[in-house]
Amino acid sequence: MSTITASLVNELRKKTGAGMMDCKNALVEANGDMEVAVDLLRKKGQKVAAKRGDRDASEGLVIAKTTADGKLGVLLCLNCETDFVAKNEDFGQFANKLADIAIANNANSVDDLKSKSYDGNGLSVADKITEQTGVIGEKIDISACQSIEAANVVAYNHPGNQIATLVGFTKEAQEAGRQVAMQVAAMAPISVDESSVPAEVIEKELEIGKELAIQEGKPADLAEKIAHGRLKKFYKESTLLNQAFVRDNKKSVKQFLQETDGELTVTDFKRLSLSI
């Protein structure tokens, strides 16, 4: 029987993030073999993941990050079962490490990110999530991973990391970009402008508008015109560039950007929220 020293236990803890007693027990079972102990802890994670696979992991953190040059941004949501775990410092560090891996590899989907290397030593992100499920004792998973590339990408993380956004701009946006990223977080637009609203959404809004007008007693031909009028209101409320700017509702977001720089506009945006 090998002597299980405190330094050996601490080394395993640093490798896996598991608790001290879990690490000591794994090393005892592995007779002091570090790699075997790591495998034992991963198997424990697999067992916990299998048991908790049908649990609702609706808590967690949403993280938005950009590269140093601001050309690429990644938006990631790491879920867990309880608010207690979501607020844990280790969970936060894990979420940020995954976001860093997503940025480094330009990952733009959950499966893409899960396939990437976590540590450069053969352990994938998917493997690490399973391992951490065993460490924490509740279901953990990535529910979203999205990316944006643009001349300048601005990230905004709302305090508490329940909502985060990415906004792509035609050029360096600086503080104006941050204001627009905050607008996306607060107002949840569905698209950049009317030209990027999906056709099925437009069709649905026209159908609803026409039906409401008919219910109000309007004839069919007039109901059609009223529906198109309501569609214009929908664009103003639901498309980013047409929305009233939250810090000065006398102007639209588009007007705010043009006043800042005539060549500055939004090319794309992403928004993630735990509540949606």
C-alpha atoms as a PDB file:
ATOM      1  CA  MET A   1       0.000   0.000   0.000  1.00  0.00           C
ATOM      2  CA  SER A   2       1.447   3.330  -1.101  1.00  0.00           C
ATOM      3  CA  THR A   3       1.517   6.204   1.346  1.00  0.00           C
ATOM      4  CA  ILE A   4      -1.101   8.776   0.372  1.00  0.00           C
ATOM      5  CA  THR A   5       0.507  12.099   1.209  1.00  0.00           C
ATOM      6  CA  ALA A   6      -1.251  15.446   1.548  1.00  0.00           C
ATOM      7  CA  SER A   7       0.709  16.773  -1.419  1.00  0.00           C
ATOM      8  CA  LEU A   8      -0.521  13.872  -3.579  1.00  0.00           C
ATOM      9  CA  VAL A   9      -4.114  14.528  -2.530  1.00  0.00           C
ATOM     10  CA  ASN A  10      -3.682  18.242  -3.272  1.00  0.00           C
ATOM     11  CA  GLU A  11      -2.220  17.481  -6.711  1.00  0.00           C
ATOM     12  CA  LEU A  12      -5.256  15.348  -7.598  1.00  0.00           C
ATOM     13  CA  ARG A  13      -7.569  18.046  -6.280  1.00  0.00           C
ATOM     14  CA  LYS A  14      -5.910  20.623  -8.555  1.00  0.00           C
ATOM     15  CA  LYS A  15      -6.214  18.256 -11.520  1.00  0.00           C
ATOM     16  CA  THR A  16      -9.903  17.456 -11.035  1.00  0.00           C
ATOM     17  CA  GLY A  17     -11.446  20.017  -8.683  1.00  0.00           C
ATOM     18  CA  ALA A  18     -12.839  17.176  -6.565  1.00  0.00           C
ATOM     19  CA  GLY A  19     -13.138  17.422  -2.769  1.00  0.00           C
ATOM     20  CA  MET A  20     -10.247  16.453  -0.512  1.00  0.00           C
ATOM     21  CA  MET A  21     -11.925  13.268   0.815  1.00  0.00           C
ATOM     22  CA  ASP A  22     -12.985  12.180  -2.676  1.00  0.00           C
ATOM     23  CA  CYS A  23      -9.402  12.649  -3.855  1.00  0.00           C
ATOM     24  CA  LYS A  24      -7.954  10.765  -0.884  1.00  0.00           C
ATOM     25  CA  ASN A  25     -10.392   7.868  -1.323  1.00  0.00           C
ATOM     26  CA  ALA A  26      -9.670   7.674  -5.052  1.00  0.00           C
ATOM     27  CA  LEU A  27      -5.902   7.599  -4.402  1.00  0.00           C
ATOM     28  CA  VAL A  28      -6.317   4.896  -1.739  1.00  0.00           C
ATOM     29  CA  GLU A  29      -8.381   2.787  -4.158  1.00  0.00           C
ATOM     30  CA  ALA A  30      -5.807   3.440  -6.911  1.00  0.00           C
ATOM     31  CA  ASN A  31      -2.918   2.549  -4.569  1.00  0.00           C
ATOM     32  CA  GLY A  32      -1.399   5.980  -5.108  1.00  0.00           C
ATOM     33  CA  ASP A  33      -1.524   5.888  -8.929  1.00  0.00           C
ATOM     34  CA  MET A  34      -2.488   9.409 -10.021  1.00  0.00           C
ATOM     35  CA  GLU A  35      -3.842   8.472 -13.464  1.00  0.00           C
ATOM     36  CA  VAL A  36      -5.935   5.612 -12.097  1.00  0.00           C
ATOM     37  CA  ALA A  37      -7.312   7.953  -9.413  1.00  0.00           C
ATOM     38  CA  VAL A  38      -8.285  10.490 -12.081  1.00  0.00           C
ATOM     39  CA  ASP A  39     -10.097   7.753 -14.027  1.00  0.00           C
ATOM     40  CA  LEU A  40     -11.923   6.653 -10.866  1.00  0.00           C
ATOM     41  CA  LEU A  41     -13.159  10.191 -10.273  1.00  0.00           C
ATOM     42  CA  ARG A  42     -14.300  10.465 -13.907  1.00  0.00           C
ATOM     43  CA  LYS A  43     -16.219   7.201 -13.588  1.00  0.00           C
ATOM     44  CA  LYS A  44     -17.875   8.625 -10.504  1.00  0.00           C
ATOM     45  CA  GLY A  45     -18.887  11.632 -12.624  1.00  0.00           C
ATOM     46  CA  GLN A  46     -20.358   9.316 -15.262  1.00  0.00           C
ATOM     47  CA  LYS A  47     -22.439   7.532 -12.622  1.00  0.00           C
ATOM     48  CA  VAL A  48     -23.744  10.802 -11.193  1.00  0.00           C
ATOM     49  CA  ALA A  49     -24.483  12.115 -14.702  1.00  0.00           C
ATOM     50  CA  ALA A  50     -26.454   8.955 -15.518  1.00  0.00           C
ATOM     51  CA  LYS A  51     -28.479   9.242 -12.300  1.00  0.00           C
ATOM     52  CA  ARG A  52     -29.233  12.940 -12.778  1.00  0.00           C
ATOM     53  CA  GLY A  53     -29.695  12.977 -16.543  1.00  0.00           C
ATOM     54  CA  ASP A  54     -33.423  13.738 -16.297  1.00  0.00           C
ATOM     55  CA  ARG A  55     -33.024  16.544 -13.747  1.00  0.00           C
ATOM     56  CA  ASP A  56     -33.903  20.116 -14.679  1.00  0.00           C
ATOM     57  CA  ALA A  57     -30.711  22.191 -14.950  1.00  0.00           C
ATOM     58  CA  SER A  58     -32.321  25.624 -15.188  1.00  0.00           C
ATOM     59  CA  GLU A  59     -29.825  27.598 -13.100  1.00  0.00           C
ATOM     60  CA  GLY A  60     -26.329  28.594 -14.195  1.00  0.00           C
ATOM     61  CA  LEU A  61     -24.315  31.390 -15.743  1.00  0.00           C
ATOM     62  CA  VAL A  62     -24.294  33.173 -19.085  1.00  0.00           C
ATOM     63  CA  ILE A  63     -20.891  34.473 -20.188  1.00  0.00           C
ATOM     64  CA  ALA A  64     -20.023  36.800 -23.086  1.00  0.00           C
ATOM     65  CA  LYS A  65     -16.383  37.322 -24.097  1.00  0.00           C
ATOM     66  CA  THR A  66     -14.431  38.753 -27.001  1.00  0.00           C
ATOM     67  CA  THR A  67     -10.927  38.282 -28.334  1.00  0.00           C
ATOM     68  CA  ALA A  68      -8.334  40.936 -27.452  1.00  0.00           C
ATOM     69  CA  ASP A  69      -8.661  42.498 -30.912  1.00  0.00           C
ATOM     70  CA  GLY A  70     -12.467  42.636 -30.653  1.00  0.00           C
ATOM     71  CA  LYS A  71     -13.007  40.781 -33.931  1.00  0.00           C
ATOM     72  CA  LEU A  72     -14.672  37.697 -32.437  1.00  0.00           C
ATOM     73  CA  GLY A  73     -17.128  37.225 -29.594  1.00  0.00           C
ATOM     74  CA  VAL A  74     -18.531  34.120 -27.925  1.00  0.00           C
ATOM     75  CA  LEU A  75     -21.685  33.735 -25.857  1.00  0.00           C
ATOM     76  CA  LEU A  76     -21.999  30.668 -23.627  1.00  0.00           C
ATOM     77  CA  CYS A  77     -24.514  29.328 -21.112  1.00  0.00           C
ATOM     78  CA  LEU A  78     -23.394  26.743 -18.545  1.00  0.00           C
ATOM     79  CA  ASN A  79     -26.292  25.256 -16.607  1.00  0.00           C
ATOM     80  CA  CYS A  80     -26.600  23.544 -13.251  1.00  0.00           C
ATOM     81  CA  GLU A  81     -29.500  22.482 -11.041  1.00  0.00           C
ATOM     82  CA  THR A  82     -29.321  24.966  -8.158  1.00  0.00           C
ATOM     83  CA  ASP A  83     -28.685  28.641  -7.576  1.00  0.00           C
ATOM     84  CA  PHE A  84     -26.283  27.635  -4.785  1.00  0.00           C
ATOM     85  CA  VAL A  85     -23.947  25.948  -7.276  1.00  0.00           C
ATOM     86  CA  ALA A  86     -24.344  28.749  -9.847  1.00  0.00           C
ATOM     87  CA  LYS A  87     -23.062  31.258  -7.287  1.00  0.00           C
ATOM     88  CA  ASN A  88     -20.091  29.078  -6.321  1.00  0.00           C
ATOM     89  CA  GLU A  89     -16.714  30.588  -7.272  1.00  0.00           C
ATOM     90  CA  ASP A  90     -15.412  27.317  -8.730  1.00  0.00           C
ATOM     91  CA  PHE A  91     -18.457  27.013 -10.994  1.00  0.00           C
ATOM     92  CA  GLY A  92     -17.891  30.582 -12.201  1.00  0.00           C
ATOM     93  CA  GLN A  93     -14.248  29.857 -12.946  1.00  0.00           C
ATOM     94  CA  PHE A  94     -15.257  26.721 -14.849  1.00  0.00           C
ATOM     95  CA  ALA A  95     -17.794  28.671 -16.951  1.00  0.00           C
ATOM     96  CA  ASN A  96     -15.170  31.289 -17.772  1.00  0.00           C
ATOM     97  CA  LYS A  97     -12.617  28.606 -18.693  1.00  0.00           C
ATOM     98  CA  LEU A  98     -15.129  27.091 -21.119  1.00  0.00           C
ATOM     99  CA  ALA A  99     -15.747  30.538 -22.621  1.00  0.00           C
ATOM    100  CA  ASP A 100     -11.989  30.972 -23.061  1.00  0.00           C
ATOM    101  CA  ILE A 101     -11.794  27.614 -24.848  1.00  0.00           C
ATOM    102  CA  ALA A 102     -14.710  28.624 -27.078  1.00  0.00           C
ATOM    103  CA  ILE A 103     -12.949  31.891 -27.952  1.00  0.00           C
ATOM    104  CA  ALA A 104      -9.619  30.176 -28.638  1.00  0.00           C
ATOM    105  CA  ASN A 105     -11.275  27.670 -30.983  1.00  0.00           C
ATOM    106  CA  ASN A 106     -13.992  29.921 -32.475  1.00  0.00           C
ATOM    107  CA  ALA A 107     -16.591  27.390 -31.328  1.00  0.00           C
ATOM    108  CA  ASN A 108     -20.068  28.285 -32.580  1.00  0.00           C
ATOM    109  CA  SER A 109     -22.237  25.438 -31.274  1.00  0.00           C
ATOM    110  CA  VAL A 110     -22.554  23.281 -28.158  1.00  0.00           C
ATOM    111  CA  ASP A 111     -21.347  20.148 -29.945  1.00  0.00           C
ATOM    112  CA  ASP A 112     -18.420  22.049 -31.436  1.00  0.00           C
ATOM    113  CA  LEU A 113     -17.301  23.286 -28.021  1.00  0.00           C
ATOM    114  CA  LYS A 114     -17.777  19.908 -26.330  1.00  0.00           C
ATOM    115  CA  SER A 115     -15.479  18.285 -28.886  1.00  0.00           C
ATOM    116  CA  LYS A 116     -12.578  20.650 -28.112  1.00  0.00           C
ATOM    117  CA  SER A 117      -9.657  19.782 -25.857  1.00  0.00           C
ATOM    118  CA  TYR A 118     -10.017  20.990 -22.280  1.00  0.00           C
ATOM    119  CA  ASP A 119      -6.417  20.646 -21.135  1.00  0.00           C
ATOM    120  CA  GLY A 120      -4.340  19.676 -24.170  1.00  0.00           C
ATOM    121  CA  ASN A 121      -3.792  16.204 -22.691  1.00  0.00           C
ATOM    122  CA  GLY A 122      -6.601  14.251 -24.297  1.00  0.00           C
ATOM    123  CA  LEU A 123      -9.400  15.416 -22.002  1.00  0.00           C
ATOM    124  CA  SER A 124     -12.280  16.928 -23.989  1.00  0.00           C
ATOM    125  CA  VAL A 125     -14.691  19.590 -22.768  1.00  0.00           C
ATOM    126  CA  ALA A 126     -17.433  16.931 -22.746  1.00  0.00           C
ATOM    127  CA  ASP A 127     -15.253  14.704 -20.533  1.00  0.00           C
ATOM    128  CA  LYS A 128     -14.560  17.597 -18.171  1.00  0.00           C
ATOM    129  CA  ILE A 129     -18.270  18.377 -17.826  1.00  0.00           C
ATOM    130  CA  THR A 130     -18.921  14.747 -16.858  1.00  0.00           C
ATOM    131  CA  GLU A 131     -16.047  14.904 -14.380  1.00  0.00           C
ATOM    132  CA  GLN A 132     -17.375  18.100 -12.819  1.00  0.00           C
ATOM    133  CA  THR A 133     -20.841  16.559 -12.552  1.00  0.00           C
ATOM    134  CA  GLY A 134     -19.278  13.994 -10.213  1.00  0.00           C
ATOM    135  CA  VAL A 135     -17.347  16.652  -8.304  1.00  0.00           C
ATOM    136  CA  ILE A 136     -20.356  18.911  -7.732  1.00  0.00           C
ATOM    137  CA  GLY A 137     -22.976  16.184  -7.453  1.00  0.00           C
ATOM    138  CA  GLU A 138     -25.617  17.682  -9.721  1.00  0.00           C
ATOM    139  CA  LYS A 139     -26.319  17.895 -13.444  1.00  0.00           C
ATOM    140  CA  ILE A 140     -24.081  20.317 -15.368  1.00  0.00           C
ATOM    141  CA  ASP A 141     -24.295  20.999 -19.079  1.00  0.00           C
ATOM    142  CA  ILE A 142     -23.710  23.614 -21.760  1.00  0.00           C
ATOM    143  CA  SER A 143     -27.049  24.687 -23.225  1.00  0.00           C
ATOM    144  CA  ALA A 144     -25.805  27.313 -25.679  1.00  0.00           C
ATOM    145  CA  CYS A 145     -22.637  28.388 -27.459  1.00  0.00           C
ATOM    146  CA  GLN A 146     -22.842  31.104 -30.117  1.00  0.00           C
ATOM    147  CA  SER A 147     -20.320  33.356 -31.822  1.00  0.00           C
ATOM    148  CA  ILE A 148     -20.142  36.579 -33.820  1.00  0.00           C
ATOM    149  CA  GLU A 149     -17.384  37.875 -36.081  1.00  0.00           C
ATOM    150  CA  ALA A 150     -17.342  41.538 -37.132  1.00  0.00           C
ATOM    151  CA  ALA A 151     -15.079  44.549 -37.544  1.00  0.00           C
ATOM    152  CA  ASN A 152     -15.755  45.154 -33.843  1.00  0.00           C
ATOM    153  CA  VAL A 153     -17.644  42.902 -31.413  1.00  0.00           C
ATOM    154  CA  VAL A 154     -18.790  44.246 -28.043  1.00  0.00           C
ATOM    155  CA  ALA A 155     -19.698  41.943 -25.136  1.00  0.00           C
ATOM    156  CA  TYR A 156     -21.984  42.861 -22.261  1.00  0.00           C
ATOM    157  CA  ASN A 157     -22.482  40.766 -19.126  1.00  0.00           C
ATOM    158  CA  HIS A 158     -25.374  41.935 -16.978  1.00  0.00           C
ATOM    159  CA  PRO A 159     -24.567  41.843 -13.230  1.00  0.00           C
ATOM    160  CA  GLY A 160     -25.264  38.348 -11.911  1.00  0.00           C
ATOM    161  CA  ASN A 161     -24.528  36.729 -15.287  1.00  0.00           C
ATOM    162  CA  GLN A 162     -28.155  35.810 -15.941  1.00  0.00           C
ATOM    163  CA  ILE A 163     -28.200  37.767 -19.219  1.00  0.00           C
ATOM    164  CA  ALA A 164     -25.373  38.486 -21.657  1.00  0.00           C
ATOM    165  CA  THR A 165     -25.134  39.899 -25.167  1.00  0.00           C
ATOM    166  CA  LEU A 166     -22.792  40.233 -28.124  1.00  0.00           C
ATOM    167  CA  VAL A 167     -23.169  42.938 -30.767  1.00  0.00           C
ATOM    168  CA  GLY A 168     -21.212  43.167 -34.016  1.00  0.00           C
ATOM    169  CA  PHE A 169     -20.480  46.600 -35.510  1.00  0.00           C
ATOM    170  CA  THR A 170     -19.140  47.917 -38.805  1.00  0.00           C
ATOM    171  CA  LYS A 171     -16.251  49.651 -37.022  1.00  0.00           C
ATOM    172  CA  GLU A 172     -14.813  50.433 -33.578  1.00  0.00           C
ATOM    173  CA  ALA A 173     -17.804  51.177 -31.346  1.00  0.00           C
ATOM    174  CA  GLN A 174     -16.293  51.832 -27.889  1.00  0.00           C
ATOM    175  CA  GLU A 175     -18.815  53.304 -25.404  1.00  0.00           C
ATOM    176  CA  ALA A 176     -21.584  53.554 -28.007  1.00  0.00           C
ATOM    177  CA  GLY A 177     -21.189  49.836 -28.591  1.00  0.00           C
ATOM    178  CA  ARG A 178     -21.570  49.106 -24.904  1.00  0.00           C
ATOM    179  CA  GLN A 179     -24.753  51.183 -24.784  1.00  0.00           C
ATOM    180  CA  VAL A 180     -26.246  49.224 -27.680  1.00  0.00           C
ATOM    181  CA  ALA A 181     -25.178  45.904 -26.120  1.00  0.00           C
ATOM    182  CA  MET A 182     -27.011  46.975 -22.949  1.00  0.00           C
ATOM    183  CA  GLN A 183     -30.029  47.881 -25.100  1.00  0.00           C
ATOM    184  CA  VAL A 184     -30.099  44.340 -26.492  1.00  0.00           C
ATOM    185  CA  ALA A 185     -29.994  42.943 -22.954  1.00  0.00           C
ATOM    186  CA  ALA A 186     -32.836  45.187 -21.758  1.00  0.00           C
ATOM    187  CA  MET A 187     -35.158  45.207 -24.784  1.00  0.00           C
ATOM    188  CA  ALA A 188     -34.586  41.736 -26.319  1.00  0.00           C
ATOM    189  CA  PRO A 189     -35.026  42.671 -30.022  1.00  0.00           C
ATOM    190  CA  ILE A 190     -35.671  39.816 -32.448  1.00  0.00           C
ATOM    191  CA  SER A 191     -33.502  41.085 -35.316  1.00  0.00           C
ATOM    192  CA  VAL A 192     -31.223  43.938 -36.407  1.00  0.00           C
ATOM    193  CA  ASP A 193     -33.844  45.677 -38.595  1.00  0.00           C
ATOM    194  CA  GLU A 194     -37.012  44.950 -40.594  1.00  0.00           C
ATOM    195  CA  SER A 195     -35.050  43.406 -43.471  1.00  0.00           C
ATOM    196  CA  SER A 196     -33.698  40.652 -41.201  1.00  0.00           C
ATOM    197  CA  VAL A 197     -37.020  39.640 -39.611  1.00  0.00           C
ATOM    198  CA  PRO A 198     -37.816  36.042 -40.665  1.00  0.00           C
ATOM    199  CA  ALA A 199     -40.590  35.776 -43.268  1.00  0.00           C
ATOM    200  CA  GLU A 200     -42.639  33.449 -41.058  1.00  0.00           C
ATOM    201  CA  VAL A 201     -42.605  36.030 -38.239  1.00  0.00           C
ATOM    202  CA  ILE A 202     -43.850  38.762 -40.608  1.00  0.00           C
ATOM    203  CA  GLU A 203     -46.587  36.471 -41.921  1.00  0.00           C
ATOM    204  CA  LYS A 204     -47.700  35.634 -38.382  1.00  0.00           C
ATOM    205  CA  GLU A 205     -47.766  39.298 -37.299  1.00  0.00           C
ATOM    206  CA  LEU A 206     -49.857  40.245 -40.353  1.00  0.00           C
ATOM    207  CA  GLU A 207     -52.254  37.397 -39.676  1.00  0.00           C
ATOM    208  CA  ILE A 208     -52.659  38.421 -36.019  1.00  0.00           C
ATOM    209  CA  GLY A 209     -53.059  42.096 -36.952  1.00  0.00           C
ATOM    210  CA  LYS A 210     -55.737  41.317 -39.536  1.00  0.00           C
ATOM    211  CA  GLU A 211     -57.636  39.015 -37.177  1.00  0.00           C
ATOM    212  CA  LEU A 212     -57.647  41.641 -34.427  1.00  0.00           C
ATOM    213  CA  ALA A 213     -58.980  44.251 -36.844  1.00  0.00           C
ATOM    214  CA  ILE A 214     -61.772  41.928 -38.005  1.00  0.00           C
ATOM    215  CA  GLN A 215     -62.676  41.200 -34.382  1.00  0.00           C
ATOM    216  CA  GLU A 216     -62.935  44.965 -33.896  1.00  0.00           C
ATOM    217  CA  GLY A 217     -65.532  45.052 -36.658  1.00  0.00           C
ATOM    218  CA  LYS A 218     -63.371  46.335 -39.517  1.00  0.00           C
ATOM    219  CA  PRO A 219     -64.092  45.131 -43.108  1.00  0.00           C
ATOM    220  CA  ALA A 220     -61.569  42.717 -44.648  1.00  0.00           C
ATOM    221  CA  ASP A 221     -59.938  45.250 -47.030  1.00  0.00           C
ATOM    222  CA  LEU A 222     -59.454  47.796 -44.244  1.00  0.00           C
ATOM    223  CA  ALA A 223     -58.272  45.056 -41.867  1.00  0.00           C
ATOM    224  CA  GLU A 224     -55.428  44.317 -44.312  1.00  0.00           C
ATOM    225  CA  LYS A 225     -54.237  47.947 -44.186  1.00  0.00           C
ATOM    226  CA  ILE A 226     -54.534  48.039 -40.400  1.00  0.00           C
ATOM    227  CA  ALA A 227     -52.462  44.846 -40.167  1.00  0.00           C
ATOM    228  CA  HIS A 228     -49.644  46.468 -42.169  1.00  0.00           C
ATOM    229  CA  GLY A 229     -49.816  49.511 -39.899  1.00  0.00           C
ATOM    230  CA  ARG A 230     -49.469  47.272 -36.864  1.00  0.00           C
ATOM    231  CA  LEU A 231     -46.533  45.536 -38.537  1.00  0.00           C
ATOM    232  CA  LYS A 232     -44.704  48.894 -38.694  1.00  0.00           C
ATOM    233  CA  LYS A 233     -45.292  49.287 -34.957  1.00  0.00           C
ATOM    234  CA  PHE A 234     -43.940  45.767 -34.452  1.00  0.00           C
ATOM    235  CA  TYR A 235     -40.745  46.693 -36.342  1.00  0.00           C
ATOM    236  CA  LYS A 236     -40.306  49.765 -34.147  1.00  0.00           C
ATOM    237  CA  GLU A 237     -40.706  47.776 -30.952  1.00  0.00           C
ATOM    238  CA  SER A 238     -38.922  44.559 -31.909  1.00  0.00           C
ATOM    239  CA  THR A 239     -36.019  45.377 -34.267  1.00  0.00           C
ATOM    240  CA  LEU A 240     -32.855  46.770 -32.721  1.00  0.00           C
ATOM    241  CA  LEU A 241     -32.065  49.695 -35.023  1.00  0.00           C
ATOM    242  CA  ASN A 242     -35.696  50.868 -35.011  1.00  0.00           C
ATOM    243  CA  GLN A 243     -36.212  50.591 -31.266  1.00  0.00           C
ATOM    244  CA  ALA A 244     -36.335  53.733 -29.149  1.00  0.00           C
ATOM    245  CA  PHE A 245     -32.904  54.176 -27.567  1.00  0.00           C
ATOM    246  CA  VAL A 246     -33.318  53.367 -23.861  1.00  0.00           C
ATOM    247  CA  ARG A 247     -31.149  56.278 -22.719  1.00  0.00           C
ATOM    248  CA  ASP A 248     -32.990  58.804 -24.899  1.00  0.00           C
ATOM    249  CA  ASN A 249     -36.328  57.555 -26.232  1.00  0.00           C
ATOM    250  CA  LYS A 250     -36.697  60.575 -28.504  1.00  0.00           C
ATOM    251  CA  LYS A 251     -34.303  58.901 -30.931  1.00  0.00           C
ATOM    252  CA  SER A 252     -33.939  55.400 -32.336  1.00  0.00           C
ATOM    253  CA  VAL A 253     -30.872  53.224 -31.866  1.00  0.00           C
ATOM    254  CA  LYS A 254     -30.044  53.840 -35.526  1.00  0.00           C
ATOM    255  CA  GLN A 255     -30.152  57.612 -34.990  1.00  0.00           C
ATOM    256  CA  PHE A 256     -28.008  57.303 -31.868  1.00  0.00           C
ATOM    257  CA  LEU A 257     -25.334  55.396 -33.795  1.00  0.00           C
ATOM    258  CA  GLN A 258     -25.402  57.797 -36.757  1.00  0.00           C
ATOM    259  CA  GLU A 259     -24.973  60.751 -34.422  1.00  0.00           C
ATOM    260  CA  THR A 260     -21.981  58.970 -32.879  1.00  0.00           C
ATOM    261  CA  ASP A 261     -20.419  58.087 -36.245  1.00  0.00           C
ATOM    262  CA  GLY A 262     -22.129  58.206 -39.626  1.00  0.00           C
ATOM    263  CA  GLU A 263     -20.479  54.930 -40.668  1.00  0.00           C
ATOM    264  CA  LEU A 264     -21.324  53.033 -37.477  1.00  0.00           C
ATOM    265  CA  THR A 265     -24.129  50.465 -37.490  1.00  0.00           C
ATOM    266  CA  VAL A 266     -24.945  46.977 -36.230  1.00  0.00           C
ATOM    267  CA  THR A 267     -24.225  43.913 -38.360  1.00  0.00           C
ATOM    268  CA  ASP A 268     -25.454  41.196 -35.969  1.00  0.00           C
ATOM    269  CA  PHE A 269     -26.246  40.482 -32.338  1.00  0.00           C
ATOM    270  CA  LYS A 270     -26.787  37.570 -29.966  1.00  0.00           C
ATOM    271  CA  ARG A 271     -28.606  37.518 -26.620  1.00  0.00           C
ATOM    272  CA  LEU A 272     -28.821  34.758 -24.026  1.00  0.00           C
ATOM    273  CA  SER A 273     -30.891  34.723 -20.862  1.00  0.00           C
ATOM    274  CA  LEU A 274     -31.418  32.012 -18.266  1.00  0.00           C
ATOM    275  CA  SER A 275     -35.074  32.981 -18.038  1.00  0.00           C
ATOM    276  CA  ILE A 276     -35.774  32.194 -21.700  1.00  0.00           C
END
